[in-house]
Amino acid sequence: KTGWLEIEGGGQKLPLTLICGAKEGPTMMISAGV
């Protein structure tokens, strides 16, 4: 799923893609554009 996460206090939103695997396992976060 893709969508937006609003920054605390508003003003901007962060673009996200969430990939939920068919099998259970750990969660990896990857960021870009800092």
All heavy atoms as atom14 arrays in JSON, in Angstrom:
{
  "sequence": "KTGWLEIEGGGQKLPLTLICGAKEGPTMMISAGV",
  "atom14_mask": [
    [1, 1, 1, 1, 1, 1, 1, 1, 1, 0, 0, 0, 0, 0],
    [1, 1, 1, 1, 1, 1, 1, 0, 0, 0, 0, 0, 0, 0],
    [1, 1, 1, 1, 0, 0, 0, 0, 0, 0, 0, 0, 0, 0],
    [1, 1, 1, 1, 1, 1, 1, 1, 1, 1, 1, 1, 1, 1],
    [1, 1, 1, 1, 1, 1, 1, 1, 0, 0, 0, 0, 0, 0],
    [1, 1, 1, 1, 1, 1, 1, 1, 1, 0, 0, 0, 0, 0],
    [1, 1, 1, 1, 1, 1, 1, 1, 0, 0, 0, 0, 0, 0],
    [1, 1, 1, 1, 1, 1, 1, 1, 1, 0, 0, 0, 0, 0],
    [1, 1, 1, 1, 0, 0, 0, 0, 0, 0, 0, 0, 0, 0],
    [1, 1, 1, 1, 0, 0, 0, 0, 0, 0, 0, 0, 0, 0],
    [1, 1, 1, 1, 0, 0, 0, 0, 0, 0, 0, 0, 0, 0],
    [1, 1, 1, 1, 1, 1, 1, 1, 1, 0, 0, 0, 0, 0],
    [1, 1, 1, 1, 1, 1, 1, 1, 1, 0, 0, 0, 0, 0],
    [1, 1, 1, 1, 1, 1, 1, 1, 0, 0, 0, 0, 0, 0],
    [1, 1, 1, 1, 1, 1, 1, 0, 0, 0, 0, 0, 0, 0],
    [1, 1, 1, 1, 1, 1, 1, 1, 0, 0, 0, 0, 0, 0],
    [1, 1, 1, 1, 1, 1, 1, 0, 0, 0, 0, 0, 0, 0],
    [1, 1, 1, 1, 1, 1, 1, 1, 0, 0, 0, 0, 0, 0],
    [1, 1, 1, 1, 1, 1, 1, 1, 0, 0, 0, 0, 0, 0],
    [1, 1, 1, 1, 1, 1, 0, 0, 0, 0, 0, 0, 0, 0],
    [1, 1, 1, 1, 0, 0, 0, 0, 0, 0, 0, 0, 0, 0],
    [1, 1, 1, 1, 1, 0, 0, 0, 0, 0, 0, 0, 0, 0],
    [1, 1, 1, 1, 1, 1, 1, 1, 1, 0, 0, 0, 0, 0],
    [1, 1, 1, 1, 1, 1, 1, 1, 1, 0, 0, 0, 0, 0],
    [1, 1, 1, 1, 0, 0, 0, 0, 0, 0, 0, 0, 0, 0],
    [1, 1, 1, 1, 1, 1, 1, 0, 0, 0, 0, 0, 0, 0],
    [1, 1, 1, 1, 1, 1, 1, 0, 0, 0, 0, 0, 0, 0],
    [1, 1, 1, 1, 1, 1, 1, 1, 0, 0, 0, 0, 0, 0],
    [1, 1, 1, 1, 1, 1, 1, 1, 0, 0, 0, 0, 0, 0],
    [1, 1, 1, 1, 1, 1, 1, 1, 0, 0, 0, 0, 0, 0],
    [1, 1, 1, 1, 1, 1, 0, 0, 0, 0, 0, 0, 0, 0],
    [1, 1, 1, 1, 1, 0, 0, 0, 0, 0, 0, 0, 0, 0],
    [1, 1, 1, 1, 0, 0, 0, 0, 0, 0, 0, 0, 0, 0],
    [1, 1, 1, 1, 1, 1, 1, 0, 0, 0, 0, 0, 0, 0]
  ],
  "atom14_positions": [
    [[0.84, -1.19, 0.0], [0.0, 0.0, 0.0], [0.88, 1.25, 0.0], [1.93, 1.29, 0.65], [-0.92, 0.04, 1.23], [-1.92, -1.11, 1.29], [-2.94, -1.03, 0.16], [-3.93, -2.19, 0.24], [-4.92, -2.14, -0.85], [0.0, 0.0, 0.0], [0.0, 0.0, 0.0], [0.0, 0.0, 0.0], [0.0, 0.0, 0.0], [0.0, 0.0, 0.0]],
    [[0.44, 2.26, -0.72], [1.12, 3.55, -0.71], [0.2, 4.61, -0.13], [-1.03, 4.48, -0.21], [1.55, 3.97, -2.13], [0.38, 4.09, -2.96], [2.49, 2.96, -2.74], [0.0, 0.0, 0.0], [0.0, 0.0, 0.0], [0.0, 0.0, 0.0], [0.0, 0.0, 0.0], [0.0, 0.0, 0.0], [0.0, 0.0, 0.0], [0.0, 0.0, 0.0]],
    [[0.78, 5.65, 0.43], [-0.03, 6.71, 1.01], [0.85, 7.74, 1.67], [2.06, 7.8, 1.42], [0.0, 0.0, 0.0], [0.0, 0.0, 0.0], [0.0, 0.0, 0.0], [0.0, 0.0, 0.0], [0.0, 0.0, 0.0], [0.0, 0.0, 0.0], [0.0, 0.0, 0.0], [0.0, 0.0, 0.0], [0.0, 0.0, 0.0], [0.0, 0.0, 0.0]],
    [[0.26, 8.55, 2.53], [0.94, 9.67, 3.14], [0.82, 9.6, 4.66], [-0.2, 9.22, 5.19], [0.32, 10.99, 2.67], [0.37, 11.19, 1.19], [-0.56, 10.77, 0.27], [1.39, 11.83, 0.45], [-0.17, 11.13, -0.99], [1.02, 11.79, -0.92], [2.6, 12.46, 0.81], [1.81, 12.34, -1.92], [3.38, 13.02, -0.19], [2.99, 12.96, -1.54]],
    [[1.89, 9.99, 5.32], [1.89, 10.14, 6.77], [2.06, 11.62, 7.09], [3.08, 12.22, 6.72], [3.02, 9.34, 7.4], [3.21, 9.5, 8.92], [1.99, 8.98, 9.67], [4.49, 8.81, 9.39], [0.0, 0.0, 0.0], [0.0, 0.0, 0.0], [0.0, 0.0, 0.0], [0.0, 0.0, 0.0], [0.0, 0.0, 0.0], [0.0, 0.0, 0.0]],
    [[1.09, 12.21, 7.76], [1.17, 13.63, 8.08], [2.18, 13.86, 9.2], [2.22, 13.12, 10.19], [-0.19, 14.18, 8.49], [-0.19, 15.69, 8.69], [-1.58, 16.28, 8.78], [-2.55, 15.51, 8.76], [-1.69, 17.51, 8.86], [0.0, 0.0, 0.0], [0.0, 0.0, 0.0], [0.0, 0.0, 0.0], [0.0, 0.0, 0.0], [0.0, 0.0, 0.0]],
    [[3.01, 14.86, 9.02], [3.99, 15.22, 10.04], [3.27, 15.77, 11.26], [2.27, 16.48, 11.14], [4.97, 16.26, 9.46], [5.81, 15.62, 8.35], [5.89, 16.82, 10.55], [6.57, 16.62, 7.53], [0.0, 0.0, 0.0], [0.0, 0.0, 0.0], [0.0, 0.0, 0.0], [0.0, 0.0, 0.0], [0.0, 0.0, 0.0], [0.0, 0.0, 0.0]],
    [[3.77, 15.44, 12.42], [3.19, 15.95, 13.66], [3.08, 17.47, 13.6], [4.05, 18.16, 13.28], [4.06, 15.54, 14.85], [3.54, 15.99, 16.19], [2.23, 15.31, 16.58], [2.0, 14.17, 16.12], [1.48, 15.91, 17.35], [0.0, 0.0, 0.0], [0.0, 0.0, 0.0], [0.0, 0.0, 0.0], [0.0, 0.0, 0.0], [0.0, 0.0, 0.0]],
    [[1.91, 17.99, 13.87], [1.7, 19.43, 13.82], [1.29, 19.94, 12.46], [1.0, 21.13, 12.3], [0.0, 0.0, 0.0], [0.0, 0.0, 0.0], [0.0, 0.0, 0.0], [0.0, 0.0, 0.0], [0.0, 0.0, 0.0], [0.0, 0.0, 0.0], [0.0, 0.0, 0.0], [0.0, 0.0, 0.0], [0.0, 0.0, 0.0], [0.0, 0.0, 0.0]],
    [[1.27, 19.06, 11.45], [0.81, 19.43, 10.12], [1.85, 20.19, 9.31], [2.99, 20.38, 9.72], [0.0, 0.0, 0.0], [0.0, 0.0, 0.0], [0.0, 0.0, 0.0], [0.0, 0.0, 0.0], [0.0, 0.0, 0.0], [0.0, 0.0, 0.0], [0.0, 0.0, 0.0], [0.0, 0.0, 0.0], [0.0, 0.0, 0.0], [0.0, 0.0, 0.0]],
    [[1.45, 20.6, 8.14], [2.32, 21.38, 7.27], [2.9, 20.61, 6.12], [3.1, 21.15, 5.04], [0.0, 0.0, 0.0], [0.0, 0.0, 0.0], [0.0, 0.0, 0.0], [0.0, 0.0, 0.0], [0.0, 0.0, 0.0], [0.0, 0.0, 0.0], [0.0, 0.0, 0.0], [0.0, 0.0, 0.0], [0.0, 0.0, 0.0], [0.0, 0.0, 0.0]],
    [[3.21, 19.34, 6.32], [3.75, 18.49, 5.25], [3.33, 17.05, 5.49], [2.94, 16.67, 6.6], [5.27, 18.59, 5.18], [5.79, 19.92, 4.67], [7.27, 19.89, 4.38], [7.89, 18.82, 4.3], [7.87, 21.05, 4.2], [0.0, 0.0, 0.0], [0.0, 0.0, 0.0], [0.0, 0.0, 0.0], [0.0, 0.0, 0.0], [0.0, 0.0, 0.0]],
    [[3.44, 16.24, 4.43], [3.16, 14.82, 4.52], [4.34, 14.04, 3.93], [4.99, 14.49, 2.99], [1.88, 14.47, 3.77], [0.63, 15.12, 4.36], [-0.61, 14.73, 3.57], [-1.86, 15.36, 4.16], [-3.09, 14.98, 3.4], [0.0, 0.0, 0.0], [0.0, 0.0, 0.0], [0.0, 0.0, 0.0], [0.0, 0.0, 0.0], [0.0, 0.0, 0.0]],
    [[4.58, 12.88, 4.49], [5.67, 12.02, 4.04], [5.12, 10.88, 3.19], [4.19, 10.19, 3.6], [6.41, 11.44, 5.25], [6.98, 12.45, 6.25], [7.62, 11.72, 7.42], [7.99, 13.36, 5.57], [0.0, 0.0, 0.0], [0.0, 0.0, 0.0], [0.0, 0.0, 0.0], [0.0, 0.0, 0.0], [0.0, 0.0, 0.0], [0.0, 0.0, 0.0]],
    [[5.69, 10.64, 1.99], [5.22, 9.56, 1.12], [5.78, 8.21, 1.55], [6.98, 8.03, 1.7], [5.74, 9.96, -0.26], [6.97, 10.76, 0.03], [6.75, 11.45, 1.35], [0.0, 0.0, 0.0], [0.0, 0.0, 0.0], [0.0, 0.0, 0.0], [0.0, 0.0, 0.0], [0.0, 0.0, 0.0], [0.0, 0.0, 0.0], [0.0, 0.0, 0.0]],
    [[4.88, 7.24, 1.75], [5.27, 5.92, 2.23], [4.77, 4.83, 1.31], [3.74, 4.97, 0.65], [4.67, 5.65, 3.62], [5.0, 6.58, 4.78], [4.25, 6.12, 6.02], [6.49, 6.62, 5.03], [0.0, 0.0, 0.0], [0.0, 0.0, 0.0], [0.0, 0.0, 0.0], [0.0, 0.0, 0.0], [0.0, 0.0, 0.0], [0.0, 0.0, 0.0]],
    [[5.51, 3.73, 1.28], [5.02, 2.46, 0.77], [5.18, 1.43, 1.88], [6.27, 1.3, 2.44], [5.78, 2.0, -0.48], [5.59, 2.94, -1.54], [5.29, 0.63, -0.94], [0.0, 0.0, 0.0], [0.0, 0.0, 0.0], [0.0, 0.0, 0.0], [0.0, 0.0, 0.0], [0.0, 0.0, 0.0], [0.0, 0.0, 0.0], [0.0, 0.0, 0.0]],
    [[4.1, 0.73, 2.19], [4.13, -0.35, 3.18], [4.01, -1.67, 2.46], [3.08, -1.88, 1.68], [3.0, -0.19, 4.19], [2.87, 1.14, 4.92], [1.77, 1.05, 5.98], [4.19, 1.56, 5.55], [0.0, 0.0, 0.0], [0.0, 0.0, 0.0], [0.0, 0.0, 0.0], [0.0, 0.0, 0.0], [0.0, 0.0, 0.0], [0.0, 0.0, 0.0]],
    [[4.94, -2.56, 2.71], [4.94, -3.89, 2.12], [4.81, -4.9, 3.25], [5.71, -5.01, 4.09], [6.22, -4.15, 1.3], [6.33, -3.1, 0.17], [6.24, -5.56, 0.74], [7.68, -3.07, -0.49], [0.0, 0.0, 0.0], [0.0, 0.0, 0.0], [0.0, 0.0, 0.0], [0.0, 0.0, 0.0], [0.0, 0.0, 0.0], [0.0, 0.0, 0.0]],
    [[3.69, -5.58, 3.29], [3.41, -6.55, 4.35], [3.54, -7.95, 3.76], [2.72, -8.36, 2.92], [2.02, -6.32, 4.93], [1.63, -7.36, 6.36], [0.0, 0.0, 0.0], [0.0, 0.0, 0.0], [0.0, 0.0, 0.0], [0.0, 0.0, 0.0], [0.0, 0.0, 0.0], [0.0, 0.0, 0.0], [0.0, 0.0, 0.0], [0.0, 0.0, 0.0]],
    [[4.55, -8.67, 4.17], [4.83, -9.97, 3.57], [3.76, -11.01, 3.87], [3.07, -10.96, 4.89], [0.0, 0.0, 0.0], [0.0, 0.0, 0.0], [0.0, 0.0, 0.0], [0.0, 0.0, 0.0], [0.0, 0.0, 0.0], [0.0, 0.0, 0.0], [0.0, 0.0, 0.0], [0.0, 0.0, 0.0], [0.0, 0.0, 0.0], [0.0, 0.0, 0.0]],
    [[3.65, -11.94, 2.94], [2.69, -13.03, 3.12], [3.07, -13.9, 4.31], [2.21, -14.53, 4.93], [2.61, -13.86, 1.84], [0.0, 0.0, 0.0], [0.0, 0.0, 0.0], [0.0, 0.0, 0.0], [0.0, 0.0, 0.0], [0.0, 0.0, 0.0], [0.0, 0.0, 0.0], [0.0, 0.0, 0.0], [0.0, 0.0, 0.0], [0.0, 0.0, 0.0]],
    [[4.37, -13.92, 4.64], [4.84, -14.69, 5.78], [5.31, -13.73, 6.87], [5.79, -12.64, 6.59], [6.0, -15.61, 5.37], [5.61, -16.66, 4.34], [6.8, -17.52, 3.98], [6.44, -18.56, 2.92], [7.62, -19.4, 2.56], [0.0, 0.0, 0.0], [0.0, 0.0, 0.0], [0.0, 0.0, 0.0], [0.0, 0.0, 0.0], [0.0, 0.0, 0.0]],
    [[5.17, -14.16, 8.12], [5.61, -13.33, 9.23], [7.12, -13.25, 9.29], [7.83, -14.16, 8.87], [5.06, -13.87, 10.55], [3.55, -13.74, 10.67], [3.04, -14.18, 12.02], [3.7, -15.04, 12.65], [2.0, -13.67, 12.47], [0.0, 0.0, 0.0], [0.0, 0.0, 0.0], [0.0, 0.0, 0.0], [0.0, 0.0, 0.0], [0.0, 0.0, 0.0]],
    [[7.63, -12.14, 9.83], [9.06, -11.94, 9.95], [9.35, -10.56, 10.49], [8.44, -9.82, 10.87], [0.0, 0.0, 0.0], [0.0, 0.0, 0.0], [0.0, 0.0, 0.0], [0.0, 0.0, 0.0], [0.0, 0.0, 0.0], [0.0, 0.0, 0.0], [0.0, 0.0, 0.0], [0.0, 0.0, 0.0], [0.0, 0.0, 0.0], [0.0, 0.0, 0.0]],
    [[10.62, -10.17, 10.53], [10.99, -8.85, 11.06], [10.57, -7.73, 10.11], [10.21, -7.95, 8.97], [12.51, -8.95, 11.19], [12.9, -9.96, 10.16], [11.78, -10.96, 10.11], [0.0, 0.0, 0.0], [0.0, 0.0, 0.0], [0.0, 0.0, 0.0], [0.0, 0.0, 0.0], [0.0, 0.0, 0.0], [0.0, 0.0, 0.0], [0.0, 0.0, 0.0]],
    [[10.66, -6.51, 10.63], [10.3, -5.32, 9.86], [11.55, -4.51, 9.55], [12.32, -4.17, 10.46], [9.29, -4.46, 10.62], [8.07, -5.2, 10.78], [8.98, -3.17, 9.87], [0.0, 0.0, 0.0], [0.0, 0.0, 0.0], [0.0, 0.0, 0.0], [0.0, 0.0, 0.0], [0.0, 0.0, 0.0], [0.0, 0.0, 0.0], [0.0, 0.0, 0.0]],
    [[11.73, -4.2, 8.28], [12.82, -3.36, 7.81], [12.27, -1.99, 7.41], [11.26, -1.91, 6.7], [13.5, -4.0, 6.6], [14.44, -3.08, 5.83], [15.99, -2.8, 6.7], [16.85, -4.35, 6.31], [0.0, 0.0, 0.0], [0.0, 0.0, 0.0], [0.0, 0.0, 0.0], [0.0, 0.0, 0.0], [0.0, 0.0, 0.0], [0.0, 0.0, 0.0]],
    [[12.9, -0.93, 7.88], [12.57, 0.42, 7.41], [13.7, 0.93, 6.54], [14.88, 0.78, 6.88], [12.35, 1.37, 8.58], [12.07, 2.8, 8.12], [12.02, 3.98, 9.48], [12.06, 5.52, 8.57], [0.0, 0.0, 0.0], [0.0, 0.0, 0.0], [0.0, 0.0, 0.0], [0.0, 0.0, 0.0], [0.0, 0.0, 0.0], [0.0, 0.0, 0.0]],
    [[13.35, 1.54, 5.41], [14.33, 2.15, 4.51], [13.88, 3.57, 4.23], [12.73, 3.79, 3.84], [14.48, 1.37, 3.19], [14.7, -0.12, 3.45], [15.62, 1.95, 2.36], [14.69, -0.98, 2.19], [0.0, 0.0, 0.0], [0.0, 0.0, 0.0], [0.0, 0.0, 0.0], [0.0, 0.0, 0.0], [0.0, 0.0, 0.0], [0.0, 0.0, 0.0]],
    [[14.76, 4.54, 4.43], [14.42, 5.93, 4.17], [15.37, 6.52, 3.14], [16.5, 6.07, 2.96], [14.47, 6.76, 5.46], [15.77, 6.75, 6.01], [0.0, 0.0, 0.0], [0.0, 0.0, 0.0], [0.0, 0.0, 0.0], [0.0, 0.0, 0.0], [0.0, 0.0, 0.0], [0.0, 0.0, 0.0], [0.0, 0.0, 0.0], [0.0, 0.0, 0.0]],
    [[14.89, 7.56, 2.47], [15.7, 8.3, 1.49], [15.29, 9.76, 1.56], [14.27, 10.12, 2.16], [15.49, 7.75, 0.09], [0.0, 0.0, 0.0], [0.0, 0.0, 0.0], [0.0, 0.0, 0.0], [0.0, 0.0, 0.0], [0.0, 0.0, 0.0], [0.0, 0.0, 0.0], [0.0, 0.0, 0.0], [0.0, 0.0, 0.0], [0.0, 0.0, 0.0]],
    [[16.08, 10.62, 0.95], [15.71, 12.02, 0.85], [15.78, 12.8, 2.14], [15.1, 13.83, 2.26], [0.0, 0.0, 0.0], [0.0, 0.0, 0.0], [0.0, 0.0, 0.0], [0.0, 0.0, 0.0], [0.0, 0.0, 0.0], [0.0, 0.0, 0.0], [0.0, 0.0, 0.0], [0.0, 0.0, 0.0], [0.0, 0.0, 0.0], [0.0, 0.0, 0.0]],
    [[16.57, 12.36, 3.11], [16.79, 13.18, 4.3], [17.42, 14.51, 3.89], [17.08, 15.56, 4.41], [17.66, 12.43, 5.33], [18.13, 13.36, 6.43], [16.88, 11.26, 5.92], [0.0, 0.0, 0.0], [0.0, 0.0, 0.0], [0.0, 0.0, 0.0], [0.0, 0.0, 0.0], [0.0, 0.0, 0.0], [0.0, 0.0, 0.0], [0.0, 0.0, 0.0]]
  ]
}
